[in-house]
């Protein structure tokens, strides 16, 4: 192909195709949100609970407390071992059974995760990520090799106190 040619290159076509796929996935996610039961916002409490104001208020307080406990456990798991973000989103899902603001936050999060997943499938982004990973592994390997060359391989339980 000549450099003066008006035809788009293969990379440009692949990029345009990836952008179109991303936009289609986002449209599908938005359509899925709208068709999942009308607007889908509001309380999912049983009808007999909604019919009695005091019972419904108690229900909401219970849902809030349980969701708060789960979100709190997720926050504790962020620095400690455990699936912190998964538990936090689980607590948000508990809140979303009763509170519109939590439903909107979960919809926004789902949309952003879908967009990020589609962006990650872009060939340019994948090449960049693979290149950065390889560079990082080479750096770690070189540092490990220098350490072993300088100090050798001595297990911690065989170190003599001097």
Protein backbone atom coordinates (compact mmCIF):
# COMPACT_ATOMS: atom_id res chain seq x y z
CA UNK A 1 0.00 0.00 0.00
CA UNK A 2 1.33 3.41 -0.93
CA UNK A 3 1.66 6.09 1.71
CA UNK A 4 -0.35 8.46 -0.49
CA UNK A 5 -3.27 6.05 -0.76
CA UNK A 6 -6.72 7.08 0.46
CA UNK A 7 -7.55 3.55 1.68
CA UNK A 8 -7.64 3.11 5.46
CA UNK A 9 -5.06 0.77 6.93
CA UNK A 10 -5.91 -2.49 8.63
CA UNK A 11 -5.20 -0.99 12.06
CA UNK A 12 -7.64 1.87 11.45
CA UNK A 13 -10.35 -0.55 10.34
CA UNK A 14 -9.75 -2.75 13.40
CA UNK A 15 -9.90 0.29 15.68
CA UNK A 16 -13.15 1.49 14.09
CA UNK A 17 -14.60 -2.02 14.44
CA UNK A 18 -13.59 -2.15 18.13
CA UNK A 19 -15.19 1.26 18.77
CA UNK A 20 -18.41 0.15 17.10
CA UNK A 21 -18.44 -3.06 19.18
CA UNK A 22 -17.94 -1.04 22.39
CA UNK A 23 -20.78 1.32 21.52
CA UNK A 24 -23.08 -1.60 20.70
CA UNK A 25 -22.28 -3.30 24.03
CA UNK A 26 -23.04 -0.09 25.92
CA UNK A 27 -26.33 0.30 24.03
CA UNK A 28 -27.28 -3.30 24.85
CA UNK A 29 -26.48 -2.77 28.55
CA UNK A 30 -28.64 0.36 28.65
CA UNK A 31 -31.50 -1.38 26.84
CA UNK A 32 -31.22 -4.33 29.24
CA UNK A 33 -31.48 -1.90 32.18
CA UNK A 34 -34.64 -0.33 30.78
CA UNK A 35 -36.36 -3.58 29.79
CA UNK A 36 -35.71 -5.38 33.10
CA UNK A 37 -39.11 -4.58 34.50
CA UNK A 38 -39.97 -1.10 33.27
CA UNK A 39 -37.91 1.40 35.16
CA UNK A 40 -37.03 -1.19 37.78
CA UNK A 41 -36.49 1.42 40.48
CA UNK A 42 -37.98 1.32 43.94
CA UNK A 43 -38.57 -1.04 46.81
CA UNK A 44 -38.68 -4.77 46.24
CA UNK A 45 -40.24 -5.47 49.60
CA UNK A 46 -43.26 -7.81 49.67
CA UNK A 47 -46.65 -6.16 49.20
CA UNK A 48 -47.82 -6.84 52.74
CA UNK A 49 -44.72 -5.00 54.03
CA UNK A 50 -45.26 -2.03 51.69
CA UNK A 51 -48.92 -1.80 52.76
CA UNK A 52 -48.02 -0.97 56.38
CA UNK A 53 -45.93 2.17 56.84
CA UNK A 54 -44.32 1.21 60.16
CA UNK A 55 -43.48 -2.29 58.89
CA UNK A 56 -42.02 -0.86 55.69
CA UNK A 57 -39.90 1.63 57.62
CA UNK A 58 -38.64 -1.20 59.85
CA UNK A 59 -37.90 -3.25 56.74
CA UNK A 60 -35.87 -0.39 55.26
CA UNK A 61 -33.91 0.07 58.48
CA UNK A 62 -33.15 -3.67 58.55
CA UNK A 63 -32.03 -3.69 54.92
CA UNK A 64 -29.86 -0.63 55.54
CA UNK A 65 -28.20 -2.14 58.62
CA UNK A 66 -27.53 -5.48 56.90
CA UNK A 67 -26.16 -3.70 53.80
CA UNK A 68 -24.01 -1.46 56.00
CA UNK A 69 -22.57 -4.51 57.79
CA UNK A 70 -21.71 -6.17 54.47
CA UNK A 71 -20.17 -2.99 53.02
CA UNK A 72 -18.22 -2.50 56.25
CA UNK A 73 -16.90 -6.06 56.04
CA UNK A 74 -15.85 -5.39 52.44
CA UNK A 75 -14.01 -2.23 53.45
CA UNK A 76 -12.18 -4.19 56.15
CA UNK A 77 -11.26 -6.81 53.51
CA UNK A 78 -9.64 -4.24 51.21
CA UNK A 79 -6.30 -4.20 53.10
CA UNK A 80 -6.79 -7.69 54.54
CA UNK A 81 -7.11 -10.97 52.64
CA UNK A 82 -10.51 -11.42 51.14
CA UNK A 83 -12.65 -10.32 48.20
CA UNK A 84 -13.15 -6.74 49.40
CA UNK A 85 -14.64 -5.16 46.28
CA UNK A 86 -16.93 -8.12 45.63
CA UNK A 87 -18.30 -7.90 49.17
CA UNK A 88 -18.74 -4.12 48.89
CA UNK A 89 -20.76 -4.54 45.69
CA UNK A 90 -22.71 -7.32 47.41
CA UNK A 91 -23.66 -4.85 50.15
CA UNK A 92 -24.64 -2.33 47.49
CA UNK A 93 -26.85 -4.99 45.90
CA UNK A 94 -28.53 -5.55 49.28
CA UNK A 95 -29.17 -1.80 49.53
CA UNK A 96 -30.45 -1.78 45.94
CA UNK A 97 -33.31 -4.07 46.92
CA UNK A 98 -34.79 -1.14 48.81
CA UNK A 99 -33.15 2.18 47.89
CA UNK A 100 -33.27 3.93 44.51
CA UNK A 101 -29.89 5.66 45.00
CA UNK A 102 -28.18 2.27 45.38
CA UNK A 103 -29.95 0.96 42.26
CA UNK A 104 -28.66 3.95 40.29
CA UNK A 105 -25.12 3.47 41.63
CA UNK A 106 -25.18 -0.21 40.62
CA UNK A 107 -26.47 0.64 37.13
CA UNK A 108 -23.72 3.24 36.70
CA UNK A 109 -21.10 0.74 37.93
CA UNK A 110 -22.36 -1.97 35.60
CA UNK A 111 -22.22 0.43 32.66
CA UNK A 112 -18.66 1.51 33.51
CA UNK A 113 -17.47 -2.08 33.95
CA UNK A 114 -18.99 -3.03 30.59
CA UNK A 115 -17.29 -0.09 28.90
CA UNK A 116 -13.94 -0.94 30.52
CA UNK A 117 -14.24 -4.58 29.43
CA UNK A 118 -14.94 -3.49 25.87
CA UNK A 119 -12.01 -1.05 25.94
CA UNK A 120 -9.72 -3.83 27.16
CA UNK A 121 -10.59 -5.82 24.02
CA UNK A 122 -9.23 -3.04 21.81
CA UNK A 123 -6.15 -4.43 19.99
CA UNK A 124 -4.03 -1.34 20.72
CA UNK A 125 -4.82 -1.49 24.44
CA UNK A 126 -4.11 -5.23 24.58
CA UNK A 127 -0.75 -4.78 22.84
CA UNK A 128 0.17 -1.99 25.26
CA UNK A 129 -0.82 -4.06 28.30
CA UNK A 130 1.10 -7.11 27.08
CA UNK A 131 4.16 -4.96 26.34
CA UNK A 132 4.08 -3.35 29.80
CA UNK A 133 3.67 -6.76 31.45
CA UNK A 134 6.64 -8.20 29.57
CA UNK A 135 8.79 -5.17 30.44
CA UNK A 136 7.81 -5.50 34.11
CA UNK A 137 8.63 -9.21 34.15
CA UNK A 138 12.01 -8.60 32.52
CA UNK A 139 12.85 -5.94 35.14
CA UNK A 140 11.84 -8.27 37.99
CA UNK A 141 13.86 -11.10 36.44
CA UNK A 142 16.97 -8.94 36.07
CA UNK A 143 16.69 -7.70 39.67
CA UNK A 144 16.21 -11.26 40.92
CA UNK A 145 19.22 -12.43 38.88
CA UNK A 146 21.40 -9.63 40.29
CA UNK A 147 20.31 -10.50 43.83
CA UNK A 148 21.07 -14.20 43.36
CA UNK A 149 24.44 -13.43 41.72
CA UNK A 150 25.41 -11.10 44.56
CA UNK A 151 24.08 -13.06 47.58
CA UNK A 152 23.36 -16.54 46.31
CA UNK A 153 20.38 -18.69 47.20
CA UNK A 154 20.25 -19.09 50.98
CA UNK A 155 17.06 -20.23 52.63
CA UNK A 156 16.00 -18.19 55.68
CA UNK A 157 16.18 -21.20 58.00
CA UNK A 158 19.84 -21.80 57.04
CA UNK A 159 21.07 -18.31 57.87
CA UNK A 160 23.70 -18.40 60.65
CA UNK A 161 23.75 -15.60 63.19
CA UNK A 162 27.09 -13.84 63.17
